Amino acid sequence: DIDECAIGSHNCSSAETCYNIQGSFRCLSFECPSNYRKVSDMRCERINCFNYLECQNTPVRITYYQLNFQTNIVVPAHIFRIGPSPAYAGDSIALTITRGNEEGFFSTRRLNAYTGIVYLQRQVKEPKDFLLDVEMKLWRQGTYTTFLAKIYIFITAHAY
């Protein structure tokens, strides 16, 4: 594998981030929706919300992640772990894949009241890119707070 990002042989624009994958690369762009501000390369935080329902139902934070696996990954495979940090006694989370899982390759499961995982539940036979939106609703002291993980998953051909 040649790291096109490191040696500069990619064609990503200055607005995009080069991400190396096995045998290739991807150009990714991370934009914050309106009413969010970029607080780091991979994270957006909500500026404000105008009523109780909007505060409950729109993510307080959107974070981007990139994962790279090969087609020969053994399933089921835990590929992503999520939970509040710090976690407090009485916390409880609910995880939902809200977008990007139309073919049902992925699922979520709670490990305990405040930790959940995303796992690959069936084999991806061909190289394929996914962008999953995984919503974590945190119940803490009588209030729900929503967090959104946008997970780029690149399944590449395995090297023989």
C-alpha atoms as a PDB file:
ATOM      1  CA  ASP A   1       0.000   0.000   0.000  1.00  0.00           C
ATOM      2  CA  ILE A   2       1.329   3.414  -1.007  1.00  0.00           C
ATOM      3  CA  ASP A   3       0.181   6.304   1.194  1.00  0.00           C
ATOM      4  CA  GLU A   4      -0.906   8.772  -1.508  1.00  0.00           C
ATOM      5  CA  CYS A   5      -1.867  11.265   1.204  1.00  0.00           C
ATOM      6  CA  ALA A   6       1.623  11.285   2.734  1.00  0.00           C
ATOM      7  CA  ILE A   7       3.508  11.545  -0.576  1.00  0.00           C
ATOM      8  CA  GLY A   8       1.087  14.058  -2.093  1.00  0.00           C
ATOM      9  CA  SER A   9       0.114  12.010  -5.164  1.00  0.00           C
ATOM     10  CA  HIS A  10      -3.618  12.516  -4.543  1.00  0.00           C
ATOM     11  CA  ASN A  11      -6.022  14.916  -6.267  1.00  0.00           C
ATOM     12  CA  CYS A  12      -7.988  16.132  -3.235  1.00  0.00           C
ATOM     13  CA  SER A  13      -8.851  19.821  -3.198  1.00  0.00           C
ATOM     14  CA  SER A  14      -7.639  22.138  -0.440  1.00  0.00           C
ATOM     15  CA  ALA A  15     -11.138  21.955   1.103  1.00  0.00           C
ATOM     16  CA  GLU A  16     -10.899  18.167   1.373  1.00  0.00           C
ATOM     17  CA  THR A  17      -8.950  15.836   3.632  1.00  0.00           C
ATOM     18  CA  CYS A  18      -7.013  12.977   2.031  1.00  0.00           C
ATOM     19  CA  TYR A  19      -7.635   9.654   3.792  1.00  0.00           C
ATOM     20  CA  ASN A  20      -5.408   6.692   2.919  1.00  0.00           C
ATOM     21  CA  ILE A  21      -7.034   3.289   2.444  1.00  0.00           C
ATOM     22  CA  GLN A  22      -5.529  -0.036   1.380  1.00  0.00           C
ATOM     23  CA  GLY A  23      -4.496   0.344  -2.256  1.00  0.00           C
ATOM     24  CA  SER A  24      -6.018   3.805  -2.744  1.00  0.00           C
ATOM     25  CA  PHE A  25      -7.275   6.958  -1.014  1.00  0.00           C
ATOM     26  CA  ARG A  26     -10.464   8.953  -0.524  1.00  0.00           C
ATOM     27  CA  CYS A  27     -11.027  12.710  -0.553  1.00  0.00           C
ATOM     28  CA  LEU A  28     -13.334  13.590   2.328  1.00  0.00           C
ATOM     29  CA  SER A  29     -14.914  16.907   3.172  1.00  0.00           C
ATOM     30  CA  PHE A  30     -16.280  17.730   6.590  1.00  0.00           C
ATOM     31  CA  GLU A  31     -18.850  20.495   6.696  1.00  0.00           C
ATOM     32  CA  CYS A  32     -20.915  21.582   9.636  1.00  0.00           C
ATOM     33  CA  PRO A  33     -24.648  22.073   9.049  1.00  0.00           C
ATOM     34  CA  SER A  34     -26.175  25.485   9.696  1.00  0.00           C
ATOM     35  CA  ASN A  35     -26.493  26.298  13.418  1.00  0.00           C
ATOM     36  CA  TYR A  36     -23.266  24.325  14.076  1.00  0.00           C
ATOM     37  CA  ARG A  37     -19.693  25.523  14.327  1.00  0.00           C
ATOM     38  CA  LYS A  38     -16.544  23.564  13.594  1.00  0.00           C
ATOM     39  CA  VAL A  39     -14.610  23.030  16.853  1.00  0.00           C
ATOM     40  CA  SER A  40     -11.951  20.706  15.404  1.00  0.00           C
ATOM     41  CA  ASP A  41     -11.154  19.030  12.080  1.00  0.00           C
ATOM     42  CA  MET A  42     -13.655  16.271  12.770  1.00  0.00           C
ATOM     43  CA  ARG A  43     -16.193  17.823  15.151  1.00  0.00           C
ATOM     44  CA  CYS A  44     -19.113  20.257  14.978  1.00  0.00           C
ATOM     45  CA  GLU A  45     -21.023  21.619  17.975  1.00  0.00           C
ATOM     46  CA  ARG A  46     -24.524  23.076  17.981  1.00  0.00           C
ATOM     47  CA  ILE A  47     -24.567  26.845  18.466  1.00  0.00           C
ATOM     48  CA  ASN A  48     -28.036  27.061  20.011  1.00  0.00           C
ATOM     49  CA  CYS A  49     -31.503  25.550  19.993  1.00  0.00           C
ATOM     50  CA  PHE A  50     -34.734  27.466  20.250  1.00  0.00           C
ATOM     51  CA  ASN A  51     -37.119  25.178  22.082  1.00  0.00           C
ATOM     52  CA  TYR A  52     -37.172  22.112  24.290  1.00  0.00           C
ATOM     53  CA  LEU A  53     -38.022  19.657  21.489  1.00  0.00           C
ATOM     54  CA  GLU A  54     -35.334  20.976  19.172  1.00  0.00           C
ATOM     55  CA  CYS A  55     -32.773  20.758  22.004  1.00  0.00           C
ATOM     56  CA  GLN A  56     -33.776  17.132  22.641  1.00  0.00           C
ATOM     57  CA  ASN A  57     -33.875  16.040  19.010  1.00  0.00           C
ATOM     58  CA  THR A  58     -30.969  17.761  17.312  1.00  0.00           C
ATOM     59  CA  PRO A  59     -27.443  16.571  18.088  1.00  0.00           C
ATOM     60  CA  VAL A  60     -25.454  18.713  20.481  1.00  0.00           C
ATOM     61  CA  ARG A  61     -22.313  17.396  18.740  1.00  0.00           C
ATOM     62  CA  ILE A  62     -21.553  15.799  15.365  1.00  0.00           C
ATOM     63  CA  THR A  63     -18.261  13.889  15.126  1.00  0.00           C
ATOM     64  CA  TYR A  64     -16.739  12.299  12.004  1.00  0.00           C
ATOM     65  CA  TYR A  65     -14.773   9.041  12.113  1.00  0.00           C
ATOM     66  CA  GLN A  66     -13.005   6.986   9.447  1.00  0.00           C
ATOM     67  CA  LEU A  67     -12.543   3.216   9.618  1.00  0.00           C
ATOM     68  CA  ASN A  68     -10.835   0.909   7.147  1.00  0.00           C
ATOM     69  CA  PHE A  69     -11.358  -2.873   6.968  1.00  0.00           C
ATOM     70  CA  GLN A  70     -10.690  -5.579   4.434  1.00  0.00           C
ATOM     71  CA  THR A  71     -13.346  -7.789   2.826  1.00  0.00           C
ATOM     72  CA  ASN A  72     -12.059 -10.853   4.732  1.00  0.00           C
ATOM     73  CA  ILE A  73     -12.969  -9.364   8.147  1.00  0.00           C
ATOM     74  CA  VAL A  74     -14.570 -12.052  10.342  1.00  0.00           C
ATOM     75  CA  VAL A  75     -18.196 -11.268  11.227  1.00  0.00           C
ATOM     76  CA  PRO A  76     -19.745 -10.374  13.547  1.00  0.00           C
ATOM     77  CA  ALA A  77     -17.059  -7.725  14.054  1.00  0.00           C
ATOM     78  CA  HIS A  78     -17.277  -4.949  16.631  1.00  0.00           C
ATOM     79  CA  ILE A  79     -16.060  -1.962  14.629  1.00  0.00           C
ATOM     80  CA  PHE A  80     -17.012   1.049  16.739  1.00  0.00           C
ATOM     81  CA  ARG A  81     -17.644   1.739  20.412  1.00  0.00           C
ATOM     82  CA  ILE A  82     -19.577   4.755  21.694  1.00  0.00           C
ATOM     83  CA  GLY A  83     -20.583   6.158  25.063  1.00  0.00           C
ATOM     84  CA  PRO A  84     -20.591   9.392  27.040  1.00  0.00           C
ATOM     85  CA  SER A  85     -17.328  10.610  28.478  1.00  0.00           C
ATOM     86  CA  PRO A  86     -17.393  10.876  31.399  1.00  0.00           C
ATOM     87  CA  ALA A  87     -20.226   8.468  32.205  1.00  0.00           C
ATOM     88  CA  TYR A  88     -22.181   8.867  35.427  1.00  0.00           C
ATOM     89  CA  ALA A  89     -24.243   6.443  37.526  1.00  0.00           C
ATOM     90  CA  GLY A  90     -27.793   6.551  36.192  1.00  0.00           C
ATOM     91  CA  ASP A  91     -26.785   7.346  32.608  1.00  0.00           C
ATOM     92  CA  SER A  92     -28.518   5.342  29.917  1.00  0.00           C
ATOM     93  CA  ILE A  93     -27.966   5.403  26.168  1.00  0.00           C
ATOM     94  CA  ALA A  94     -29.903   4.336  23.094  1.00  0.00           C
ATOM     95  CA  LEU A  95     -28.120   3.801  19.753  1.00  0.00           C
ATOM     96  CA  THR A  96     -29.746   4.015  16.338  1.00  0.00           C
ATOM     97  CA  ILE A  97     -28.267   3.855  12.852  1.00  0.00           C
ATOM     98  CA  THR A  98     -30.287   6.618  11.200  1.00  0.00           C
ATOM     99  CA  ARG A  99     -28.696   6.596   7.727  1.00  0.00           C
ATOM    100  CA  GLY A 100     -26.385   4.537   5.528  1.00  0.00           C
ATOM    101  CA  ASN A 101     -27.446   1.016   6.521  1.00  0.00           C
ATOM    102  CA  GLU A 102     -30.076   0.415   3.848  1.00  0.00           C
ATOM    103  CA  GLU A 103     -28.569  -2.991   2.993  1.00  0.00           C
ATOM    104  CA  GLY A 104     -28.423  -4.095   6.626  1.00  0.00           C
ATOM    105  CA  PHE A 105     -24.685  -4.789   6.891  1.00  0.00           C
ATOM    106  CA  PHE A 106     -24.449  -3.122  10.310  1.00  0.00           C
ATOM    107  CA  SER A 107     -26.247  -3.256  13.617  1.00  0.00           C
ATOM    108  CA  THR A 108     -25.917  -1.775  17.106  1.00  0.00           C
ATOM    109  CA  ARG A 109     -25.995  -3.281  20.557  1.00  0.00           C
ATOM    110  CA  ARG A 110     -25.703  -1.998  24.100  1.00  0.00           C
ATOM    111  CA  LEU A 111     -22.882  -3.494  26.148  1.00  0.00           C
ATOM    112  CA  ASN A 112     -24.201  -1.840  29.312  1.00  0.00           C
ATOM    113  CA  ALA A 113     -26.294   1.206  30.299  1.00  0.00           C
ATOM    114  CA  TYR A 114     -23.722   3.675  28.953  1.00  0.00           C
ATOM    115  CA  THR A 115     -21.691   1.838  26.307  1.00  0.00           C
ATOM    116  CA  GLY A 116     -22.820   0.723  22.868  1.00  0.00           C
ATOM    117  CA  ILE A 117     -21.177  -0.795  19.836  1.00  0.00           C
ATOM    118  CA  VAL A 118     -21.701  -0.746  16.103  1.00  0.00           C
ATOM    119  CA  TYR A 119     -20.893  -4.073  14.514  1.00  0.00           C
ATOM    120  CA  LEU A 120     -20.628  -5.513  11.033  1.00  0.00           C
ATOM    121  CA  GLN A 121     -23.201  -8.311  11.037  1.00  0.00           C
ATOM    122  CA  ARG A 122     -22.735  -9.756   7.575  1.00  0.00           C
ATOM    123  CA  GLN A 123     -19.835 -10.161   5.198  1.00  0.00           C
ATOM    124  CA  VAL A 124     -19.138  -7.422   2.648  1.00  0.00           C
ATOM    125  CA  LYS A 125     -17.949  -9.450  -0.352  1.00  0.00           C
ATOM    126  CA  GLU A 126     -16.785  -6.600  -2.603  1.00  0.00           C
ATOM    127  CA  PRO A 127     -14.895  -3.413  -1.758  1.00  0.00           C
ATOM    128  CA  LYS A 128     -17.475  -0.824  -0.718  1.00  0.00           C
ATOM    129  CA  ASP A 129     -17.691   2.554   1.027  1.00  0.00           C
ATOM    130  CA  PHE A 130     -20.295   3.362   3.655  1.00  0.00           C
ATOM    131  CA  LEU A 131     -21.236   6.519   5.519  1.00  0.00           C
ATOM    132  CA  LEU A 132     -23.224   5.577   8.615  1.00  0.00           C
ATOM    133  CA  ASP A 133     -25.029   8.083  10.792  1.00  0.00           C
ATOM    134  CA  VAL A 134     -25.150   6.637  14.295  1.00  0.00           C
ATOM    135  CA  GLU A 135     -27.225   8.552  16.802  1.00  0.00           C
ATOM    136  CA  MET A 136     -26.619   8.162  20.515  1.00  0.00           C
ATOM    137  CA  LYS A 137     -29.337   9.454  22.800  1.00  0.00           C
ATOM    138  CA  LEU A 138     -28.065   9.936  26.328  1.00  0.00           C
ATOM    139  CA  TRP A 139     -30.586   9.919  29.148  1.00  0.00           C
ATOM    140  CA  ARG A 140     -29.017  11.795  32.075  1.00  0.00           C
ATOM    141  CA  GLN A 141     -30.873  13.223  35.053  1.00  0.00           C
ATOM    142  CA  GLY A 142     -34.235  13.332  33.310  1.00  0.00           C
ATOM    143  CA  THR A 143     -33.061  14.831  30.016  1.00  0.00           C
ATOM    144  CA  TYR A 144     -32.159  13.400  26.615  1.00  0.00           C
ATOM    145  CA  THR A 145     -29.085  14.711  24.816  1.00  0.00           C
ATOM    146  CA  THR A 146     -28.423  13.562  21.242  1.00  0.00           C
ATOM    147  CA  PHE A 147     -24.962  12.990  19.754  1.00  0.00           C
ATOM    148  CA  LEU A 148     -24.291  12.051  16.127  1.00  0.00           C
ATOM    149  CA  ALA A 149     -21.341   9.978  14.907  1.00  0.00           C
ATOM    150  CA  LYS A 150     -20.835  10.113  11.129  1.00  0.00           C
ATOM    151  CA  ILE A 151     -18.705   7.055  10.416  1.00  0.00           C
ATOM    152  CA  TYR A 152     -16.985   6.562   7.062  1.00  0.00           C
ATOM    153  CA  ILE A 153     -16.313   2.844   6.648  1.00  0.00           C
ATOM    154  CA  PHE A 154     -14.090   1.763   3.781  1.00  0.00           C
ATOM    155  CA  ILE A 155     -14.081  -1.963   3.017  1.00  0.00           C
ATOM    156  CA  THR A 156     -11.142  -2.706   0.732  1.00  0.00           C
ATOM    157  CA  ALA A 157     -10.067  -5.893  -1.050  1.00  0.00           C
ATOM    158  CA  HIS A 158      -7.871  -8.019   1.170  1.00  0.00           C
ATOM    159  CA  ALA A 159      -4.237  -8.397   0.166  1.00  0.00           C
ATOM    160  CA  TYR A 160      -3.430 -12.017  -0.684  1.00  0.00           C
END
